[in-house]
Amino acid sequence: MNLVSLVGNYFLWQSKQQYRDDALKFRIIRVWQGCSSKEILWLNDVFDIHRDATMIKRIQKQTDNYNLELKAKADSLMQNNLQHKKGK
């Protein structure tokens, strides 16, 4: 029974890891504002074929920085909009 549980947990972990990897791939493509087929092949190599943990961390950092910049812009626009409405 423990072996079945262990195998089940492994496949669940693997499935969650694949989901996280795919989500990160889509986020970096959004940061790049699209990508070429060559870049998609490179992403597949980094994540799947010759997994490169260092490069994956760099990609994660790049997407995190993009999200922070996007949030800062949105907050700034919201503040400007609120100030503009108060002035009327």
N, C-alpha and C. Protein backbone atom coordinates (compact mmCIF):
# COMPACT_ATOMS: atom_id res chain seq x y z
N MET A 1 0.83 -1.19 0.00
CA MET A 1 0.00 0.00 0.00
C MET A 1 0.88 1.26 0.00
N ASN A 2 1.98 1.26 0.75
CA ASN A 2 2.86 2.42 0.79
C ASN A 2 3.49 2.71 -0.56
N LEU A 3 3.82 1.66 -1.31
CA LEU A 3 4.41 1.83 -2.63
C LEU A 3 3.43 2.52 -3.56
N VAL A 4 2.16 2.15 -3.50
CA VAL A 4 1.14 2.78 -4.34
C VAL A 4 1.02 4.26 -3.98
N SER A 5 1.03 4.55 -2.70
CA SER A 5 0.95 5.94 -2.24
C SER A 5 2.17 6.73 -2.70
N LEU A 6 3.34 6.14 -2.59
CA LEU A 6 4.58 6.79 -3.00
C LEU A 6 4.57 7.10 -4.49
N VAL A 7 4.16 6.13 -5.28
CA VAL A 7 4.10 6.31 -6.73
C VAL A 7 3.07 7.39 -7.08
N GLY A 8 1.92 7.35 -6.41
CA GLY A 8 0.89 8.35 -6.65
C GLY A 8 1.37 9.75 -6.31
N ASN A 9 2.07 9.87 -5.18
CA ASN A 9 2.61 11.18 -4.78
C ASN A 9 3.65 11.68 -5.76
N TYR A 10 4.47 10.78 -6.28
CA TYR A 10 5.49 11.16 -7.26
C TYR A 10 4.83 11.73 -8.52
N PHE A 11 3.81 11.03 -9.02
CA PHE A 11 3.15 11.51 -10.24
C PHE A 11 2.40 12.81 -9.99
N LEU A 12 1.86 13.00 -8.82
CA LEU A 12 1.20 14.25 -8.47
C LEU A 12 2.22 15.39 -8.43
N TRP A 13 3.38 15.15 -7.80
CA TRP A 13 4.44 16.14 -7.75
C TRP A 13 4.90 16.50 -9.15
N GLN A 14 5.09 15.48 -9.99
CA GLN A 14 5.56 15.68 -11.35
C GLN A 14 4.55 16.52 -12.15
N SER A 15 3.28 16.24 -11.94
CA SER A 15 2.22 16.98 -12.63
C SER A 15 2.21 18.44 -12.19
N LYS A 16 2.35 18.69 -10.88
CA LYS A 16 2.39 20.06 -10.38
C LYS A 16 3.62 20.80 -10.90
N GLN A 17 4.76 20.11 -10.97
CA GLN A 17 5.99 20.73 -11.49
C GLN A 17 5.80 21.11 -12.95
N GLN A 18 5.18 20.25 -13.74
CA GLN A 18 4.94 20.54 -15.15
C GLN A 18 4.02 21.74 -15.30
N TYR A 19 3.00 21.83 -14.44
CA TYR A 19 2.08 22.97 -14.47
C TYR A 19 2.83 24.27 -14.16
N ARG A 20 3.68 24.25 -13.13
CA ARG A 20 4.45 25.45 -12.77
C ARG A 20 5.40 25.85 -13.90
N ASP A 21 6.05 24.86 -14.50
CA ASP A 21 6.96 25.14 -15.61
C ASP A 21 6.21 25.77 -16.78
N ASP A 22 5.07 25.19 -17.14
CA ASP A 22 4.28 25.71 -18.26
C ASP A 22 3.81 27.14 -17.98
N ALA A 23 3.38 27.39 -16.74
CA ALA A 23 2.93 28.74 -16.38
C ALA A 23 4.08 29.73 -16.50
N LEU A 24 5.27 29.34 -16.07
CA LEU A 24 6.43 30.22 -16.17
C LEU A 24 6.81 30.46 -17.63
N LYS A 25 6.72 29.44 -18.46
CA LYS A 25 7.00 29.61 -19.90
C LYS A 25 6.06 30.64 -20.50
N PHE A 26 4.77 30.54 -20.18
CA PHE A 26 3.80 31.49 -20.73
C PHE A 26 4.04 32.90 -20.20
N ARG A 27 4.46 33.01 -18.93
CA ARG A 27 4.74 34.34 -18.38
C ARG A 27 5.94 34.99 -19.07
N ILE A 28 7.00 34.22 -19.33
CA ILE A 28 8.17 34.81 -19.98
C ILE A 28 7.86 35.19 -21.42
N ILE A 29 7.01 34.40 -22.08
CA ILE A 29 6.60 34.75 -23.44
C ILE A 29 5.82 36.07 -23.43
N ARG A 30 5.01 36.28 -22.39
CA ARG A 30 4.28 37.55 -22.25
C ARG A 30 5.26 38.69 -22.02
N VAL A 31 6.27 38.47 -21.18
CA VAL A 31 7.28 39.50 -20.92
C VAL A 31 7.99 39.87 -22.23
N TRP A 32 8.31 38.85 -23.02
CA TRP A 32 8.99 39.08 -24.29
C TRP A 32 8.05 39.65 -25.34
N GLN A 33 6.77 39.71 -25.04
CA GLN A 33 5.73 40.13 -25.99
C GLN A 33 5.72 39.24 -27.23
N GLY A 34 5.75 37.95 -26.98
CA GLY A 34 5.76 36.96 -28.04
C GLY A 34 7.16 36.40 -28.21
N CYS A 35 7.27 35.37 -29.03
CA CYS A 35 8.59 34.80 -29.27
C CYS A 35 8.58 33.99 -30.56
N SER A 36 9.77 33.70 -31.02
CA SER A 36 9.95 32.94 -32.25
C SER A 36 9.93 31.45 -31.95
N SER A 37 9.86 30.66 -32.99
CA SER A 37 9.90 29.21 -32.81
C SER A 37 11.25 28.78 -32.23
N LYS A 38 12.31 29.50 -32.58
CA LYS A 38 13.64 29.20 -32.03
C LYS A 38 13.66 29.42 -30.51
N GLU A 39 13.00 30.48 -30.06
CA GLU A 39 12.94 30.75 -28.62
C GLU A 39 12.08 29.71 -27.89
N ILE A 40 11.03 29.24 -28.53
CA ILE A 40 10.21 28.18 -27.92
C ILE A 40 11.03 26.90 -27.77
N LEU A 41 11.82 26.58 -28.78
CA LEU A 41 12.69 25.40 -28.71
C LEU A 41 13.71 25.57 -27.58
N TRP A 42 14.23 26.79 -27.43
CA TRP A 42 15.19 27.07 -26.35
C TRP A 42 14.52 26.88 -24.99
N LEU A 43 13.30 27.40 -24.83
CA LEU A 43 12.57 27.22 -23.57
C LEU A 43 12.36 25.73 -23.26
N ASN A 44 11.96 24.97 -24.27
CA ASN A 44 11.77 23.53 -24.07
C ASN A 44 13.07 22.85 -23.67
N ASP A 45 14.17 23.31 -24.23
CA ASP A 45 15.46 22.75 -23.86
C ASP A 45 15.79 23.08 -22.41
N VAL A 46 15.59 24.33 -22.02
CA VAL A 46 15.91 24.78 -20.65
C VAL A 46 15.04 24.08 -19.62
N PHE A 47 13.76 23.91 -19.92
CA PHE A 47 12.83 23.35 -18.94
C PHE A 47 12.74 21.83 -19.00
N ASP A 48 12.84 21.25 -20.18
CA ASP A 48 12.51 19.83 -20.33
C ASP A 48 13.67 18.93 -20.74
N ILE A 49 14.40 19.32 -21.73
CA ILE A 49 15.41 18.42 -22.31
C ILE A 49 16.68 18.40 -21.47
N HIS A 50 17.27 19.56 -21.27
CA HIS A 50 18.49 19.69 -20.45
C HIS A 50 18.19 20.69 -19.34
N ARG A 51 17.35 20.30 -18.42
CA ARG A 51 16.86 21.22 -17.37
C ARG A 51 18.00 22.02 -16.76
N ASP A 52 17.85 23.35 -16.82
CA ASP A 52 18.88 24.27 -16.33
C ASP A 52 18.28 25.11 -15.20
N ALA A 53 18.49 24.67 -13.96
CA ALA A 53 17.88 25.33 -12.81
C ALA A 53 18.31 26.78 -12.69
N THR A 54 19.56 27.08 -13.02
CA THR A 54 20.06 28.45 -12.95
C THR A 54 19.32 29.35 -13.93
N MET A 55 19.14 28.88 -15.15
CA MET A 55 18.44 29.67 -16.16
C MET A 55 16.96 29.81 -15.80
N ILE A 56 16.38 28.78 -15.24
CA ILE A 56 14.98 28.85 -14.82
C ILE A 56 14.81 29.91 -13.73
N LYS A 57 15.76 29.99 -12.81
CA LYS A 57 15.72 31.02 -11.76
C LYS A 57 15.83 32.41 -12.38
N ARG A 58 16.66 32.57 -13.40
CA ARG A 58 16.79 33.87 -14.08
C ARG A 58 15.48 34.25 -14.77
N ILE A 59 14.86 33.27 -15.41
CA ILE A 59 13.57 33.51 -16.07
C ILE A 59 12.53 33.91 -15.03
N GLN A 60 12.51 33.21 -13.90
CA GLN A 60 11.57 33.53 -12.82
C GLN A 60 11.79 34.95 -12.33
N LYS A 61 13.05 35.33 -12.15
CA LYS A 61 13.37 36.69 -11.68
C LYS A 61 12.92 37.73 -12.70
N GLN A 62 13.14 37.44 -13.97
CA GLN A 62 12.74 38.37 -15.02
C GLN A 62 11.22 38.56 -15.03
N THR A 63 10.47 37.48 -14.89
CA THR A 63 9.01 37.60 -14.87
C THR A 63 8.54 38.31 -13.60
N ASP A 64 9.18 38.04 -12.47
CA ASP A 64 8.83 38.73 -11.22
C ASP A 64 9.07 40.23 -11.34
N ASN A 65 10.21 40.61 -11.90
CA ASN A 65 10.53 42.03 -12.08
C ASN A 65 9.51 42.71 -13.01
N TYR A 66 9.14 42.01 -14.07
CA TYR A 66 8.13 42.54 -15.00
C TYR A 66 6.81 42.77 -14.27
N ASN A 67 6.41 41.80 -13.46
CA ASN A 67 5.15 41.93 -12.72
C ASN A 67 5.20 43.10 -11.74
N LEU A 68 6.35 43.29 -11.08
CA LEU A 68 6.49 44.43 -10.16
C LEU A 68 6.41 45.76 -10.90
N GLU A 69 7.08 45.84 -12.05
CA GLU A 69 7.03 47.06 -12.86
C GLU A 69 5.61 47.34 -13.34
N LEU A 70 4.93 46.29 -13.76
CA LEU A 70 3.55 46.43 -14.23
C LEU A 70 2.63 46.91 -13.10
N LYS A 71 2.82 46.35 -11.91
CA LYS A 71 2.02 46.77 -10.76
C LYS A 71 2.32 48.22 -10.40
N ALA A 72 3.58 48.62 -10.44
CA ALA A 72 3.95 50.00 -10.13
C ALA A 72 3.31 50.96 -11.12
N LYS A 73 3.30 50.60 -12.41
CA LYS A 73 2.67 51.45 -13.43
C LYS A 73 1.17 51.56 -13.17
N ALA A 74 0.54 50.43 -12.87
CA ALA A 74 -0.90 50.42 -12.61
C ALA A 74 -1.23 51.27 -11.39
N ASP A 75 -0.44 51.14 -10.34
CA ASP A 75 -0.65 51.95 -9.13
C ASP A 75 -0.49 53.43 -9.42
N SER A 76 0.52 53.78 -10.21
CA SER A 76 0.77 55.17 -10.58
C SER A 76 -0.39 55.74 -11.39
N LEU A 77 -0.87 54.96 -12.35
CA LEU A 77 -2.01 55.41 -13.15
C LEU A 77 -3.25 55.60 -12.29
N MET A 78 -3.45 54.70 -11.35
CA MET A 78 -4.60 54.79 -10.46
C MET A 78 -4.51 56.05 -9.59
N GLN A 79 -3.31 56.32 -9.07
CA GLN A 79 -3.10 57.52 -8.25
C GLN A 79 -3.37 58.78 -9.08
N ASN A 80 -2.84 58.82 -10.30
CA ASN A 80 -3.06 59.97 -11.18
C ASN A 80 -4.55 60.15 -11.47
N ASN A 81 -5.23 59.06 -11.70
CA ASN A 81 -6.66 59.11 -11.99
C ASN A 81 -7.43 59.64 -10.78
N LEU A 82 -7.08 59.17 -9.57
CA LEU A 82 -7.74 59.64 -8.36
C LEU A 82 -7.48 61.13 -8.13
N GLN A 83 -6.24 61.58 -8.35
CA GLN A 83 -5.90 62.98 -8.16
C GLN A 83 -6.64 63.85 -9.19
N HIS A 84 -6.75 63.34 -10.41
CA HIS A 84 -7.44 64.08 -11.47
C HIS A 84 -8.93 64.23 -11.11
N LYS A 85 -9.54 63.18 -10.55
CA LYS A 85 -10.95 63.22 -10.19
C LYS A 85 -11.17 64.18 -9.01
N LYS A 86 -10.23 64.23 -8.08
CA LYS A 86 -10.35 65.14 -6.93
C LYS A 86 -10.27 66.60 -7.39
N GLY A 87 -9.52 66.85 -8.44
CA GLY A 87 -9.33 68.20 -8.94
C GLY A 87 -10.56 68.75 -9.64
N LYS A 88 -11.47 67.91 -10.00
CA LYS A 88 -12.68 68.35 -10.74
C LYS A 88 -13.75 68.82 -9.82
